[in-house]
Amino acid sequence: MKTADDLLGPLLQGNARALARAISWMENGHPQARPLMAKVWPHLGKASVLGLTGAPGSGKSTLTDQIARALLEKGQKVGILAVDPTSPFSGGAILGDRIRMGRIAPDPGIFIRSMATRGALGGLARATQDAIDLLDAAGFDTVIVETVGVGQDEVDVVSCVHTCAVVLVPGLGDEIQAIKAGIMEVADLFVINKADRDGIEQVEQEIEAMKSLSPPKSWDPPACRTIATQGKGILELLQRVGEHGAWLRSGGGLERKAQERAELRFDSLLAEEASRRAKARAGKQIQELINAIAKRELDPYAAVEKVLGPES
């Protein structure tokens, strides 16, 4: 499978090897990546996309595992994109969620991909949005995006998913700080995991207090308790996700989500491509400008203007 035409058929049939290769093409900037995306574009729009975000240690991977199990039991095909930090040496994902989700990985209805952030803001790899689309085209009913949990930049995830679940844990002492960091604004629902710990009521009170300080919303993000290690609360969580999906469909929310995602994606790709072309035109001048900035012979703004030229 060397061309987009070769890959398209197996991909649309849900072939795991074709899907893995297609995602790799997107991650690595393969010459056939763009033609492939153009060909799959008419086949999109069927999958539901759930985002899980929250502080490291909140149990997102275990929660993802349990959610996927429950969906598989309902006969769904589930794709999981686990966005990990980037190794500074290989550029690859260093946490390896496929290892942590080893119990469900062999199931033929599941596809798990660890993706490196590669320095992308918001804890999302640039190729993650492409991977969501490829999973959609391959016939997966639900795509779960589990993000690295990097705080305020994490808010970008909401533009890539239909329902964003923020995972909190009692007893960490930073629940209110996590909410203030911007996560409150992106939450479609709150998941209080490890609910067998002391302090569960305090977390619920903090959520309600912060909601009361926020502008009124047409959707009031509910909070549900889970103990992911025991599989408790998963069905209630999925019920809440379903309720949010129904609310989106009834009020034009899916169209708004599509618009937000399109804008984020266009801006991101435009910035990336403009940067690539500008650097290609500048050639060796780039390193000279970097050296000049380091020696304080030139300020960074002036250096960028030398590459781009003055505004017209």
Protein backbone atom coordinates (compact mmCIF):
# COMPACT_ATOMS: atom_id res chain seq x y z
CA MET A 1 0.00 0.00 0.00
CA LYS A 2 2.09 2.84 -1.33
CA THR A 3 -0.54 5.31 -2.52
CA ALA A 4 -3.69 6.86 -1.12
CA ASP A 5 -5.75 4.83 -3.62
CA ASP A 6 -4.13 1.60 -2.38
CA LEU A 7 -4.87 2.43 1.25
CA LEU A 8 -8.37 3.83 0.87
CA GLY A 9 -10.28 0.57 0.31
CA PRO A 10 -8.80 -1.40 3.24
CA LEU A 11 -9.10 1.67 5.48
CA LEU A 12 -12.81 2.11 4.77
CA GLN A 13 -13.29 -1.61 5.50
CA GLY A 14 -11.75 -1.13 8.95
CA ASN A 15 -8.49 -2.99 8.29
CA ALA A 16 -6.29 -2.37 11.35
CA ARG A 17 -3.00 -2.45 9.44
CA ALA A 18 -4.29 0.05 6.89
CA LEU A 19 -5.54 2.30 9.69
CA ALA A 20 -2.23 2.16 11.54
CA ARG A 21 -0.33 2.99 8.35
CA ALA A 22 -2.68 5.87 7.54
CA ILE A 23 -2.17 7.42 10.98
CA SER A 24 1.59 7.03 10.61
CA TRP A 25 1.40 8.82 7.27
CA MET A 26 -0.35 11.74 8.95
CA GLU A 27 2.09 11.85 11.86
CA ASN A 28 5.17 11.74 9.64
CA GLY A 29 3.99 14.02 6.83
CA HIS A 30 4.04 11.29 4.18
CA PRO A 31 3.61 12.65 0.61
CA GLN A 32 0.38 10.62 0.26
CA ALA A 33 -1.11 11.88 3.54
CA ARG A 34 -2.94 14.84 2.03
CA PRO A 35 -4.39 12.91 -0.95
CA LEU A 36 -5.61 10.25 1.49
CA MET A 37 -7.37 12.78 3.72
CA ALA A 38 -9.05 14.30 0.68
CA LYS A 39 -10.39 10.86 -0.29
CA VAL A 40 -11.71 9.96 3.18
CA TRP A 41 -13.34 13.37 3.75
CA PRO A 42 -16.72 12.44 2.17
CA HIS A 43 -16.94 9.37 4.45
CA LEU A 44 -16.80 11.25 7.78
CA GLY A 45 -19.37 12.29 10.35
CA LYS A 46 -20.58 9.03 11.87
CA ALA A 47 -18.40 8.51 14.98
CA SER A 48 -19.05 9.97 18.42
CA VAL A 49 -15.94 11.49 19.98
CA LEU A 50 -15.36 11.53 23.73
CA GLY A 51 -12.47 13.40 25.32
CA LEU A 52 -11.04 12.55 28.74
CA THR A 53 -8.82 15.13 30.36
CA GLY A 54 -7.59 15.89 33.85
CA ALA A 55 -4.55 15.90 36.09
CA PRO A 56 -1.95 13.11 35.81
CA GLY A 57 -2.72 10.37 38.30
CA SER A 58 -6.48 10.83 38.12
CA GLY A 59 -6.94 7.39 36.55
CA LYS A 60 -7.78 8.43 33.00
CA SER A 61 -6.23 5.33 31.42
CA THR A 62 -8.09 2.93 33.71
CA LEU A 63 -11.28 4.89 33.11
CA THR A 64 -10.73 4.72 29.36
CA ASP A 65 -10.20 0.96 29.64
CA GLN A 66 -13.50 0.51 31.49
CA ILE A 67 -15.47 2.78 29.16
CA ALA A 68 -14.14 0.88 26.15
CA ARG A 69 -15.09 -2.44 27.76
CA ALA A 70 -18.65 -1.25 28.35
CA LEU A 71 -18.98 0.01 24.77
CA LEU A 72 -17.58 -3.24 23.37
CA GLU A 73 -20.21 -5.17 25.33
CA LYS A 74 -22.83 -3.04 23.56
CA GLY A 75 -21.45 -4.16 20.21
CA GLN A 76 -19.62 -0.96 19.35
CA LYS A 77 -16.24 -0.60 17.69
CA VAL A 78 -14.03 1.66 19.80
CA GLY A 79 -10.95 3.63 18.82
CA ILE A 80 -8.66 5.03 21.52
CA LEU A 81 -6.15 7.82 20.94
CA ALA A 82 -3.90 8.18 23.96
CA VAL A 83 -1.93 11.40 23.62
CA ASP A 84 1.33 11.02 25.52
CA PRO A 85 4.29 13.31 26.19
CA THR A 86 7.00 13.22 23.56
CA SER A 87 10.30 11.49 24.11
CA PRO A 88 13.06 14.12 23.64
CA PHE A 89 15.19 11.46 21.96
CA SER A 90 12.90 9.49 19.64
CA GLY A 91 9.99 11.92 19.25
CA GLY A 92 7.65 9.06 20.15
CA ALA A 93 5.11 8.60 22.91
CA ILE A 94 6.80 7.65 26.19
CA LEU A 95 3.94 6.52 28.44
CA GLY A 96 2.63 3.77 26.16
CA ASP A 97 -1.07 3.50 27.00
CA ARG A 98 -1.31 0.38 24.89
CA ILE A 99 0.66 -1.35 27.64
CA ARG A 100 -1.58 0.01 30.40
CA MET A 101 -4.71 -1.00 28.46
CA GLY A 102 -3.39 -4.45 27.62
CA ARG A 103 -6.57 -6.20 28.79
CA ILE A 104 -8.72 -4.81 25.98
CA ALA A 105 -6.03 -4.41 23.29
CA PRO A 106 -6.49 -7.93 21.77
CA ASP A 107 -10.22 -7.42 21.18
CA PRO A 108 -10.93 -7.18 17.41
CA GLY A 109 -13.39 -4.33 18.07
CA ILE A 110 -10.75 -2.09 19.62
CA PHE A 111 -7.97 0.01 18.15
CA ILE A 112 -5.50 1.75 20.46
CA ARG A 113 -2.91 4.26 19.34
CA SER A 114 -0.45 6.13 21.54
CA MET A 115 0.41 9.47 19.98
CA ALA A 116 3.18 11.84 20.92
CA THR A 117 2.37 15.50 21.45
CA ARG A 118 5.54 16.45 19.52
CA GLY A 119 5.46 19.81 21.25
CA ALA A 120 1.89 20.63 20.23
CA LEU A 121 0.01 23.00 22.52
CA GLY A 122 -3.08 21.74 24.32
CA GLY A 123 -1.65 18.28 24.90
CA LEU A 124 -2.83 17.20 21.46
CA ALA A 125 -0.62 16.01 18.66
CA ARG A 126 -1.16 17.81 15.36
CA ALA A 127 -2.05 14.49 13.81
CA THR A 128 -4.63 13.62 16.48
CA GLN A 129 -7.43 15.35 14.60
CA ASP A 130 -6.44 13.47 11.45
CA ALA A 131 -6.44 10.22 13.45
CA ILE A 132 -9.97 10.97 14.74
CA ASP A 133 -11.13 11.32 11.15
CA LEU A 134 -9.38 8.14 10.04
CA LEU A 135 -11.01 6.15 12.84
CA ASP A 136 -14.35 7.65 11.83
CA ALA A 137 -13.79 6.65 8.20
CA ALA A 138 -12.76 3.13 9.28
CA GLY A 139 -16.16 2.57 10.86
CA PHE A 140 -15.49 3.05 14.56
CA ASP A 141 -18.61 4.00 16.47
CA THR A 142 -16.87 5.83 19.34
CA VAL A 143 -13.47 7.48 19.45
CA ILE A 144 -12.00 8.18 22.89
CA VAL A 145 -9.26 10.81 23.10
CA GLU A 146 -7.32 10.57 26.36
CA THR A 147 -5.07 13.58 26.78
CA VAL A 148 -1.85 14.00 28.69
CA GLY A 149 -3.26 16.32 31.33
CA VAL A 150 -1.12 19.45 31.04
CA GLY A 151 -3.36 22.04 32.68
CA GLN A 152 -4.55 25.21 31.00
CA ASP A 153 -3.42 24.32 27.48
CA GLU A 154 -5.68 21.27 27.78
CA VAL A 155 -8.68 23.40 26.83
CA ASP A 156 -7.92 22.82 23.14
CA VAL A 157 -9.29 19.29 23.48
CA VAL A 158 -12.87 20.58 23.62
CA SER A 159 -12.72 21.70 20.00
CA CYS A 160 -11.81 18.19 18.85
CA VAL A 161 -14.49 16.15 20.64
CA HIS A 162 -18.25 16.08 21.01
CA THR A 163 -18.24 15.51 24.78
CA CYS A 164 -15.38 16.52 27.08
CA ALA A 165 -15.17 14.78 30.45
CA VAL A 166 -12.88 16.31 33.09
CA VAL A 167 -11.56 13.72 35.53
CA LEU A 168 -10.93 14.78 39.13
CA VAL A 169 -9.80 12.82 42.18
CA PRO A 170 -10.50 13.46 45.88
CA GLY A 171 -7.58 14.10 48.16
CA LEU A 172 -5.04 15.49 45.72
CA GLY A 173 -5.52 18.98 47.12
CA ASP A 174 -5.52 20.67 43.72
CA GLU A 175 -9.07 20.15 42.49
CA ILE A 176 -10.05 23.81 42.73
CA GLN A 177 -6.78 24.91 41.09
CA ALA A 178 -7.36 22.49 38.22
CA ILE A 179 -10.82 23.90 37.67
CA LYS A 180 -9.55 27.49 37.78
CA ALA A 181 -6.87 26.64 35.22
CA GLY A 182 -9.47 26.80 32.48
CA ILE A 183 -10.73 23.24 32.62
CA MET A 184 -14.04 24.42 34.03
CA GLU A 185 -14.86 26.09 30.74
CA VAL A 186 -14.26 22.98 28.64
CA ALA A 187 -16.12 20.47 30.80
CA ASP A 188 -19.31 18.96 29.46
CA LEU A 189 -19.33 16.70 32.49
CA PHE A 190 -17.17 16.00 35.52
CA VAL A 191 -15.99 12.54 36.52
CA ILE A 192 -14.94 12.21 40.15
CA ASN A 193 -12.83 9.07 39.97
CA LYS A 194 -11.53 7.04 42.91
CA ALA A 195 -14.79 7.91 44.64
CA ASP A 196 -14.05 5.47 47.47
CA ARG A 197 -11.54 7.98 48.86
CA ASP A 198 -12.31 10.52 51.56
CA GLY A 199 -13.14 14.01 50.32
CA ILE A 200 -15.61 13.15 47.58
CA GLU A 201 -18.21 15.56 48.95
CA GLN A 202 -15.66 18.37 49.06
CA VAL A 203 -14.87 17.92 45.37
CA GLU A 204 -18.57 18.01 44.52
CA GLN A 205 -19.00 21.19 46.56
CA GLU A 206 -16.05 22.82 44.81
CA ILE A 207 -17.52 21.95 41.42
CA GLU A 208 -20.89 23.45 42.35
CA ALA A 209 -19.21 26.55 43.79
CA MET A 210 -17.22 27.15 40.61
CA LYS A 211 -20.28 26.54 38.44
CA SER A 212 -22.15 29.20 40.39
CA LEU A 213 -19.40 31.72 39.57
CA SER A 214 -19.45 30.95 35.85
CA PRO A 215 -21.86 32.51 33.35
CA PRO A 216 -25.09 30.49 32.98
CA LYS A 217 -24.95 27.78 30.32
CA SER A 218 -27.69 26.04 28.39
CA TRP A 219 -26.01 22.77 29.36
CA ASP A 220 -25.27 22.31 33.06
CA PRO A 221 -22.25 19.97 33.34
CA PRO A 222 -23.21 17.14 35.70
CA ALA A 223 -20.81 15.33 38.03
CA CYS A 224 -20.75 11.56 38.41
CA ARG A 225 -18.76 9.30 40.68
CA THR A 226 -16.66 6.39 39.44
CA ILE A 227 -14.26 3.83 40.84
CA ALA A 228 -12.57 2.84 37.61
CA THR A 229 -10.45 0.07 39.12
CA GLN A 230 -13.67 -1.70 40.13
CA GLY A 231 -15.74 -0.74 37.11
CA LYS A 232 -18.21 1.17 39.27
CA GLY A 233 -20.11 4.15 37.88
CA ILE A 234 -19.16 3.46 34.25
CA LEU A 235 -22.71 2.86 33.02
CA GLU A 236 -23.92 6.06 34.71
CA LEU A 237 -21.04 7.93 33.08
CA LEU A 238 -22.00 6.59 29.65
CA GLN A 239 -25.60 7.57 30.32
CA ARG A 240 -24.46 11.13 31.00
CA VAL A 241 -22.39 11.12 27.82
CA GLY A 242 -25.46 9.95 25.92
CA GLU A 243 -27.58 12.70 27.45
CA HIS A 244 -25.05 15.31 26.37
CA GLY A 245 -24.98 13.84 22.86
CA ALA A 246 -28.78 14.04 22.66
CA TRP A 247 -28.65 17.66 23.83
CA LEU A 248 -26.10 18.48 21.12
CA ARG A 249 -28.23 16.88 18.42
CA SER A 250 -31.42 18.62 19.53
CA GLY A 251 -30.05 22.15 19.63
CA GLY A 252 -27.62 22.43 16.72
CA GLY A 253 -24.67 21.68 19.00
CA LEU A 254 -23.05 19.25 16.60
CA GLU A 255 -22.92 21.94 13.94
CA ARG A 256 -21.33 24.37 16.43
CA LYS A 257 -18.77 21.74 17.41
CA ALA A 258 -17.96 21.12 13.75
CA GLN A 259 -17.46 24.84 13.21
CA GLU A 260 -15.16 25.15 16.24
CA ARG A 261 -13.11 22.16 15.18
CA ALA A 262 -12.84 23.42 11.61
CA GLU A 263 -11.58 26.80 12.80
CA LEU A 264 -9.01 25.28 15.17
CA ARG A 265 -7.83 22.90 12.51
CA PHE A 266 -7.61 25.51 9.77
CA ASP A 267 -5.70 27.95 11.99
CA SER A 268 -3.29 25.24 13.14
CA LEU A 269 -2.58 23.94 9.64
CA LEU A 270 -2.31 27.45 8.23
CA ALA A 271 0.27 28.42 10.87
CA GLU A 272 2.22 25.19 10.32
CA GLU A 273 2.27 25.47 6.55
CA ALA A 274 3.09 29.20 6.59
CA SER A 275 6.00 28.51 8.94
CA ARG A 276 7.27 25.66 6.76
CA ARG A 277 7.14 27.73 3.57
CA ALA A 278 8.72 30.78 5.20
CA LYS A 279 11.61 28.70 6.54
CA ALA A 280 12.07 26.99 3.18
CA ARG A 281 12.31 30.36 1.43
CA ALA A 282 14.71 31.77 4.01
CA GLY A 283 17.05 28.76 3.87
CA LYS A 284 20.40 29.34 5.60
CA GLN A 285 19.26 32.79 6.69
CA ILE A 286 17.24 31.13 9.47
CA GLN A 287 20.33 29.93 11.34
CA GLU A 288 21.99 33.31 10.85
CA LEU A 289 18.98 35.04 12.39
CA ILE A 290 18.92 32.60 15.30
CA ASN A 291 22.59 33.28 15.95
CA ALA A 292 21.95 37.02 15.83
CA ILE A 293 19.12 36.70 18.36
CA ALA A 294 21.31 34.62 20.68
CA LYS A 295 24.08 37.26 20.52
CA ARG A 296 21.51 40.01 21.15
CA GLU A 297 22.41 41.63 17.86
CA LEU A 298 18.78 41.37 16.74
CA ASP A 299 15.51 41.09 18.62
CA PRO A 300 13.22 38.14 17.78
CA TYR A 301 10.44 40.33 16.36
CA ALA A 302 12.80 41.95 13.90
CA ALA A 303 14.16 38.55 12.91
CA VAL A 304 10.69 37.24 12.11
CA GLU A 305 9.93 40.36 10.09
CA LYS A 306 13.09 39.74 8.05
CA VAL A 307 11.74 36.32 7.13
CA LEU A 308 8.14 37.33 6.47
CA GLY A 309 8.76 40.81 5.14
CA PRO A 310 6.86 43.94 6.19
CA GLU A 311 3.09 43.86 6.38
CA SER A 312 1.43 45.17 3.24
